[in-house]
Amino acid sequence: MTALPEPIENVTFRHFGGDEDFVGMVAMLKAQARHDGVDRHDSVEEMTNYYHHLTNCDLETDLAIAERSGEIVAYCRATWWVEESTADRVLAFIEWTHPEVRSLGVEGALVGWGESRSRDIAVEQAYEGHQVLQTWADEPEQDKIKLIEATGFAVTQTDVMMTRSLDVPIPELHLPEGLEIRPVTEADRRKVWEADLEAFRDHVGFSLPTEEDFEQFANQPHFDPALWKVAFDGDEIASQVLNYVAEDDEPGRKRGWTEWISTQRAWRGKGAAKAVIAESMRMFKDMGMTEVALAVHTTNPTGALGLYQGLGYQEVQRSFEFRKPF
């Protein structure tokens, strides 16, 4: 087992203690987001669902938690997956630190632990193919970015969060001939999940999912099929937006999330996605929402960034994926 960092002043490190840790982990994430000005929603329910359906991650060994006076002030989790297109194994870790303890060196200690744990996983679970190390950081986390770049990591992908005011007129867009939007139900979760996976198989970093991945998707607390806009080509899904409202969003914020957007290859470039997104906007406006939001890879091969900009979405923040040769 990878050794935990030594105590730093009054901060100690330990492994996962059970579901009760999720309350402290989420509280720390919210404090970090407020301090850094990161627009993100986190909830205990969402984290519980996510952690109950992890793949390639043993919480007994792959999660390190920093505590101060009984409160969680940071954590780091390691995992891995194999990319379908390259057959590369990605050894990844994600780390978050409360702003009050960053100056103590806690962040550096956990980033170091994350890389060490990833390297130990590579030994414990041998893989014959090429491997890379990966981690992430939000743009406001400049000290963290400098820290990981100093150890040899470099930016390989950029994610952009975008919002659009619903006070701006929503364009009248029509589905291509042959498509129609039809209601879906709880029973269609598997169908829409599989359609999303198929649409993203040509994207950078795609890895084959597991049944745990589906269970994680199917049990997300904020998903509501009544809000989904799904365009069908006969019995097959052509394009979809799995809209949701995050109850744990900032108080008073009236935002609808136009997320999980996907279009099958045969219908790309024909206006299907634009029409389904516009219909989603109208629905949210009728619900009393004042804006919509989404996140997108800037390197998305379908040109999604430009599509969203054309619909009036504007960038509000960036986050980065970093990789390092193994």
Protein backbone atom coordinates (compact mmCIF):
# COMPACT_ATOMS: atom_id res chain seq x y z
CA MET A 1 0.00 0.00 0.00
CA THR A 2 1.31 3.45 -0.90
CA ALA A 3 2.47 5.28 2.23
CA LEU A 4 0.37 8.26 3.26
CA PRO A 5 2.06 11.65 3.63
CA GLU A 6 3.55 12.49 7.01
CA PRO A 7 1.55 14.93 9.19
CA ILE A 8 2.01 18.62 8.34
CA GLU A 9 1.61 20.80 11.45
CA ASN A 10 -1.92 19.95 12.66
CA VAL A 11 -3.00 18.24 9.41
CA THR A 12 -2.99 14.43 9.37
CA PHE A 13 -3.65 11.96 6.57
CA ARG A 14 -5.77 8.82 6.51
CA HIS A 15 -7.64 6.50 4.18
CA PHE A 16 -11.39 6.34 3.53
CA GLY A 17 -13.56 6.02 6.63
CA GLY A 18 -16.94 5.25 5.07
CA ASP A 19 -19.89 7.10 3.58
CA GLU A 20 -19.86 9.63 6.41
CA ASP A 21 -16.75 11.13 4.78
CA PHE A 22 -18.83 12.37 1.85
CA VAL A 23 -20.36 15.15 3.96
CA GLY A 24 -16.94 16.58 4.81
CA MET A 25 -15.57 16.07 1.31
CA VAL A 26 -18.48 17.98 -0.26
CA ALA A 27 -18.23 20.77 2.32
CA MET A 28 -14.53 21.14 1.45
CA LEU A 29 -15.30 21.21 -2.28
CA LYS A 30 -17.88 23.95 -1.78
CA ALA A 31 -15.42 26.04 0.26
CA GLN A 32 -12.75 25.58 -2.40
CA ALA A 33 -15.15 26.56 -5.19
CA ARG A 34 -16.30 29.71 -3.36
CA HIS A 35 -12.73 30.79 -2.65
CA ASP A 36 -11.47 30.22 -6.19
CA GLY A 37 -14.59 31.48 -7.93
CA VAL A 38 -15.18 28.12 -9.60
CA ASP A 39 -18.72 27.61 -10.89
CA ARG A 40 -19.55 24.06 -9.83
CA HIS A 41 -22.32 22.21 -8.04
CA ASP A 42 -21.55 19.41 -5.58
CA SER A 43 -23.87 17.40 -3.37
CA VAL A 44 -23.57 14.55 -0.90
CA GLU A 45 -26.19 12.58 -2.86
CA GLU A 46 -24.29 12.92 -6.12
CA MET A 47 -20.95 12.01 -4.56
CA THR A 48 -22.48 9.02 -2.78
CA ASN A 49 -23.88 7.67 -6.05
CA TYR A 50 -20.60 8.30 -7.86
CA TYR A 51 -18.42 6.61 -5.24
CA HIS A 52 -20.76 3.65 -4.89
CA HIS A 53 -20.23 2.81 -8.57
CA LEU A 54 -16.51 3.40 -9.10
CA THR A 55 -14.54 1.35 -11.59
CA ASN A 56 -10.83 0.56 -11.17
CA CYS A 57 -10.66 2.28 -7.80
CA ASP A 58 -10.41 0.64 -4.37
CA LEU A 59 -11.28 3.23 -1.74
CA GLU A 60 -9.34 1.28 0.87
CA THR A 61 -6.08 2.00 -0.95
CA ASP A 62 -6.77 4.61 -3.66
CA LEU A 63 -8.17 7.50 -1.61
CA ALA A 64 -6.14 9.68 0.76
CA ILE A 65 -7.88 12.20 3.03
CA ALA A 66 -6.32 15.13 4.91
CA GLU A 67 -7.93 16.13 8.20
CA ARG A 68 -7.51 19.07 10.57
CA SER A 69 -9.26 19.13 13.94
CA GLY A 70 -11.65 16.44 12.74
CA GLU A 71 -12.60 18.26 9.53
CA ILE A 72 -11.70 17.12 6.02
CA VAL A 73 -9.50 19.75 4.36
CA ALA A 74 -8.25 17.87 1.28
CA TYR A 75 -8.36 14.56 -0.54
CA CYS A 76 -6.81 12.76 -3.49
CA ARG A 77 -8.18 9.75 -5.38
CA ALA A 78 -6.41 7.52 -7.90
CA THR A 79 -7.99 5.47 -10.69
CA TRP A 80 -7.21 4.18 -14.19
CA TRP A 81 -8.77 3.24 -17.53
CA VAL A 82 -7.72 2.10 -21.01
CA GLU A 83 -8.43 4.35 -24.01
CA GLU A 84 -10.15 2.49 -26.81
CA SER A 85 -8.52 4.30 -29.76
CA THR A 86 -4.91 4.19 -28.54
CA ALA A 87 -4.94 1.22 -26.12
CA ASP A 88 -3.03 3.50 -23.73
CA ARG A 89 -3.65 2.96 -20.04
CA VAL A 90 -4.28 6.24 -18.24
CA LEU A 91 -3.19 6.30 -14.59
CA ALA A 92 -5.08 9.27 -13.19
CA PHE A 93 -5.50 11.08 -9.90
CA ILE A 94 -7.63 14.02 -8.87
CA GLU A 95 -6.85 16.24 -5.89
CA TRP A 96 -8.71 19.00 -4.05
CA THR A 97 -7.45 21.17 -1.15
CA HIS A 98 -9.19 23.66 1.12
CA PRO A 99 -7.67 27.14 0.60
CA GLU A 100 -6.92 27.49 4.33
CA VAL A 101 -4.27 24.75 4.26
CA ARG A 102 -2.70 25.25 0.85
CA SER A 103 0.15 27.35 2.25
CA LEU A 104 1.12 24.49 4.56
CA GLY A 105 2.14 22.23 1.69
CA VAL A 106 -0.86 19.89 1.94
CA GLU A 107 -1.62 20.24 -1.76
CA GLY A 108 1.91 19.30 -2.74
CA ALA A 109 1.92 16.34 -0.38
CA LEU A 110 -1.30 14.93 -1.87
CA VAL A 111 -0.27 15.55 -5.47
CA GLY A 112 2.90 13.63 -4.69
CA TRP A 113 0.87 10.84 -3.09
CA GLY A 114 -1.44 10.71 -6.12
CA GLU A 115 1.45 10.20 -8.51
CA SER A 116 3.07 7.62 -6.23
CA ARG A 117 -0.18 5.71 -5.88
CA SER A 118 -0.63 5.74 -9.68
CA ARG A 119 2.86 4.34 -10.17
CA ASP A 120 2.22 1.63 -7.58
CA ILE A 121 -1.01 0.65 -9.36
CA ALA A 122 1.03 0.25 -12.54
CA VAL A 123 3.23 -2.27 -10.72
CA GLU A 124 0.42 -4.06 -8.87
CA GLN A 125 -1.72 -4.38 -12.01
CA ALA A 126 0.78 -4.93 -14.80
CA TYR A 127 -0.08 -3.67 -18.28
CA GLU A 128 1.92 -4.41 -21.43
CA GLY A 129 0.84 -1.35 -23.40
CA HIS A 130 1.82 2.31 -23.24
CA GLN A 131 0.86 4.22 -20.08
CA VAL A 132 0.49 7.89 -19.13
CA LEU A 133 -0.11 9.78 -15.91
CA GLN A 134 -3.01 12.26 -15.78
CA THR A 135 -4.48 14.86 -13.45
CA TRP A 136 -6.68 17.99 -13.65
CA ALA A 137 -6.90 21.57 -12.39
CA ASP A 138 -9.29 24.50 -12.74
CA GLU A 139 -7.88 27.69 -14.22
CA PRO A 140 -8.12 29.67 -10.92
CA GLU A 141 -5.91 27.09 -9.19
CA GLN A 142 -2.71 28.74 -10.38
CA ASP A 143 -0.53 27.50 -7.52
CA LYS A 144 -1.64 23.92 -8.18
CA ILE A 145 -1.04 24.32 -11.90
CA LYS A 146 2.51 25.55 -11.25
CA LEU A 147 3.05 22.65 -8.87
CA ILE A 148 2.04 19.92 -11.30
CA GLU A 149 3.77 21.56 -14.27
CA ALA A 150 6.97 21.70 -12.23
CA THR A 151 6.85 17.91 -11.92
CA GLY A 152 6.62 17.38 -15.69
CA PHE A 153 2.89 17.50 -16.45
CA ALA A 154 1.66 19.49 -19.46
CA VAL A 155 -1.81 20.52 -20.66
CA THR A 156 -3.32 18.06 -23.14
CA GLN A 157 -7.03 19.01 -23.07
CA THR A 158 -9.07 22.07 -22.15
CA ASP A 159 -12.65 21.99 -20.91
CA VAL A 160 -14.84 25.06 -21.12
CA MET A 161 -17.96 25.79 -19.10
CA MET A 162 -20.44 27.97 -20.98
CA THR A 163 -23.68 29.73 -20.08
CA ARG A 164 -26.40 31.43 -22.10
CA SER A 165 -28.99 33.92 -20.91
CA LEU A 166 -32.57 32.96 -21.75
CA ASP A 167 -33.44 36.65 -22.06
CA VAL A 168 -31.72 36.52 -25.44
CA PRO A 169 -34.21 35.40 -28.13
CA ILE A 170 -34.11 31.68 -28.79
CA PRO A 171 -33.82 30.87 -32.49
CA GLU A 172 -36.60 28.96 -34.24
CA LEU A 173 -34.84 25.85 -35.45
CA HIS A 174 -36.43 22.77 -36.96
CA LEU A 175 -35.34 19.16 -36.87
CA PRO A 176 -34.12 17.61 -40.11
CA GLU A 177 -36.81 15.77 -42.05
CA GLY A 178 -37.32 12.28 -40.68
CA LEU A 179 -36.65 13.13 -37.03
CA GLU A 180 -39.11 13.79 -34.22
CA ILE A 181 -38.77 14.53 -30.52
CA ARG A 182 -40.62 11.98 -28.42
CA PRO A 183 -40.94 11.58 -24.64
CA VAL A 184 -38.77 9.06 -22.85
CA THR A 185 -39.20 7.41 -19.46
CA GLU A 186 -37.14 5.74 -16.75
CA ALA A 187 -37.26 2.59 -18.86
CA ASP A 188 -35.30 4.35 -21.62
CA ARG A 189 -32.22 5.14 -19.52
CA ARG A 190 -30.26 2.25 -20.97
CA LYS A 191 -31.18 3.26 -24.53
CA VAL A 192 -30.17 6.90 -24.15
CA TRP A 193 -26.96 5.90 -22.32
CA GLU A 194 -25.95 3.54 -25.12
CA ALA A 195 -26.74 6.20 -27.73
CA ASP A 196 -24.52 8.68 -25.90
CA LEU A 197 -21.68 6.16 -25.71
CA GLU A 198 -21.88 5.34 -29.41
CA ALA A 199 -21.82 9.02 -30.32
CA PHE A 200 -18.69 9.63 -28.24
CA ARG A 201 -16.63 6.65 -29.40
CA ASP A 202 -14.64 8.85 -31.79
CA HIS A 203 -13.75 11.36 -29.07
CA VAL A 204 -10.31 11.65 -27.51
CA GLY A 205 -9.94 9.56 -24.37
CA PHE A 206 -13.02 7.36 -24.84
CA SER A 207 -12.86 4.12 -22.86
CA LEU A 208 -15.24 1.18 -22.88
CA PRO A 209 -17.72 1.48 -20.00
CA THR A 210 -18.69 -1.11 -17.42
CA GLU A 211 -22.01 -2.04 -15.84
CA GLU A 212 -20.98 0.05 -12.84
CA ASP A 213 -20.71 3.05 -15.16
CA PHE A 214 -24.30 2.50 -16.26
CA GLU A 215 -25.51 2.15 -12.66
CA GLN A 216 -23.76 5.41 -11.83
CA PHE A 217 -25.48 7.11 -14.76
CA ALA A 218 -28.89 5.57 -14.06
CA ASN A 219 -28.90 6.64 -10.40
CA GLN A 220 -27.75 10.23 -10.68
CA PRO A 221 -29.96 12.18 -8.26
CA HIS A 222 -30.59 15.20 -10.50
CA PHE A 223 -31.55 13.33 -13.66
CA ASP A 224 -35.19 13.63 -14.72
CA PRO A 225 -36.25 11.95 -18.00
CA ALA A 226 -39.22 14.31 -18.16
CA LEU A 227 -36.73 17.09 -19.00
CA TRP A 228 -34.83 15.17 -21.67
CA LYS A 229 -35.19 16.14 -25.31
CA VAL A 230 -34.58 13.10 -27.50
CA ALA A 231 -34.94 13.13 -31.29
CA PHE A 232 -35.72 9.76 -32.88
CA ASP A 233 -35.10 8.42 -36.35
CA GLY A 234 -37.77 5.74 -36.28
CA ASP A 235 -36.88 3.62 -33.25
CA GLU A 236 -33.26 4.81 -33.12
CA ILE A 237 -31.99 7.85 -31.25
CA ALA A 238 -30.46 10.45 -33.57
CA SER A 239 -29.72 13.33 -31.20
CA GLN A 240 -30.37 14.07 -27.54
CA VAL A 241 -29.93 16.49 -24.66
CA LEU A 242 -30.34 14.98 -21.19
CA ASN A 243 -31.37 18.19 -19.46
CA TYR A 244 -31.44 18.57 -15.70
CA VAL A 245 -31.75 21.09 -12.88
CA ALA A 246 -29.18 20.83 -10.09
CA GLU A 247 -30.98 21.30 -6.79
CA ASP A 248 -27.59 21.89 -5.12
CA ASP A 249 -26.74 24.82 -7.40
CA GLU A 250 -26.14 28.29 -5.95
CA PRO A 251 -29.17 29.50 -3.91
CA GLY A 252 -31.49 31.62 -6.00
CA ARG A 253 -29.86 30.66 -9.28
CA LYS A 254 -32.37 29.69 -11.96
CA ARG A 255 -30.25 27.59 -14.25
CA GLY A 256 -31.05 24.64 -16.46
CA TRP A 257 -28.24 22.35 -17.57
CA THR A 258 -28.27 21.41 -21.27
CA GLU A 259 -25.86 18.52 -20.82
CA TRP A 260 -25.15 15.03 -22.13
CA ILE A 261 -25.52 16.38 -25.66
CA SER A 262 -24.83 13.80 -28.36
CA THR A 263 -25.63 13.24 -32.03
CA GLN A 264 -25.07 10.07 -34.02
CA ARG A 265 -22.61 10.36 -36.90
CA ALA A 266 -25.25 9.98 -39.63
CA TRP A 267 -27.03 13.10 -38.36
CA ARG A 268 -24.08 15.38 -37.64
CA GLY A 269 -23.90 18.65 -39.52
CA LYS A 270 -27.61 18.58 -40.40
CA GLY A 271 -28.96 20.78 -37.62
CA ALA A 272 -30.28 18.03 -35.35
CA ALA A 273 -28.27 19.06 -32.27
CA LYS A 274 -29.07 22.76 -32.70
CA ALA A 275 -32.79 22.06 -32.91
CA VAL A 276 -32.82 19.81 -29.84
CA ILE A 277 -30.80 22.33 -27.81
CA ALA A 278 -33.10 25.19 -28.86
CA GLU A 279 -36.11 23.12 -27.80
CA SER A 280 -34.39 22.54 -24.45
CA MET A 281 -33.88 26.28 -24.03
CA ARG A 282 -37.56 26.97 -24.66
CA MET A 283 -38.54 24.35 -22.10
CA PHE A 284 -36.29 25.87 -19.45
CA LYS A 285 -37.54 29.38 -20.19
CA ASP A 286 -41.12 28.16 -19.77
CA MET A 287 -40.05 26.65 -16.42
CA GLY A 288 -38.90 30.08 -15.24
CA MET A 289 -35.16 29.53 -15.65
CA THR A 290 -33.03 32.54 -16.57
CA GLU A 291 -30.01 30.77 -18.08
CA VAL A 292 -28.71 27.47 -19.40
CA ALA A 293 -25.24 25.96 -19.00
CA LEU A 294 -23.02 23.20 -20.35
CA ALA A 295 -19.40 22.03 -20.49
CA VAL A 296 -17.43 21.01 -23.59
CA HIS A 297 -13.95 19.90 -24.65
CA THR A 298 -12.39 22.54 -26.88
CA THR A 299 -10.89 19.69 -28.93
CA ASN A 300 -14.22 17.94 -29.45
CA PRO A 301 -13.92 16.51 -33.01
CA THR A 302 -17.53 17.33 -33.89
CA GLY A 303 -16.99 21.10 -33.66
CA ALA A 304 -19.32 21.32 -30.66
CA LEU A 305 -17.64 24.45 -29.25
CA GLY A 306 -18.44 26.45 -32.36
CA LEU A 307 -21.98 25.05 -32.44
CA TYR A 308 -22.64 26.24 -28.88
CA GLN A 309 -21.09 29.64 -29.56
CA GLY A 310 -23.39 29.96 -32.55
CA LEU A 311 -26.37 29.37 -30.26
CA GLY A 312 -25.25 32.17 -27.93
CA TYR A 313 -23.37 30.26 -25.23
CA GLN A 314 -20.42 32.17 -23.79
CA GLU A 315 -17.37 30.87 -21.94
CA VAL A 316 -17.31 31.51 -18.18
CA GLN A 317 -14.44 29.32 -16.99
CA ARG A 318 -11.82 26.78 -18.03
CA SER A 319 -10.30 23.64 -16.59
CA PHE A 320 -7.37 21.62 -17.84
CA GLU A 321 -6.31 18.01 -18.24
CA PHE A 322 -2.59 17.44 -17.69
CA ARG A 323 -0.57 14.42 -18.75
CA LYS A 324 2.93 13.19 -18.12
CA PRO A 325 4.82 10.32 -19.78
CA PHE A 326 4.96 7.30 -17.54
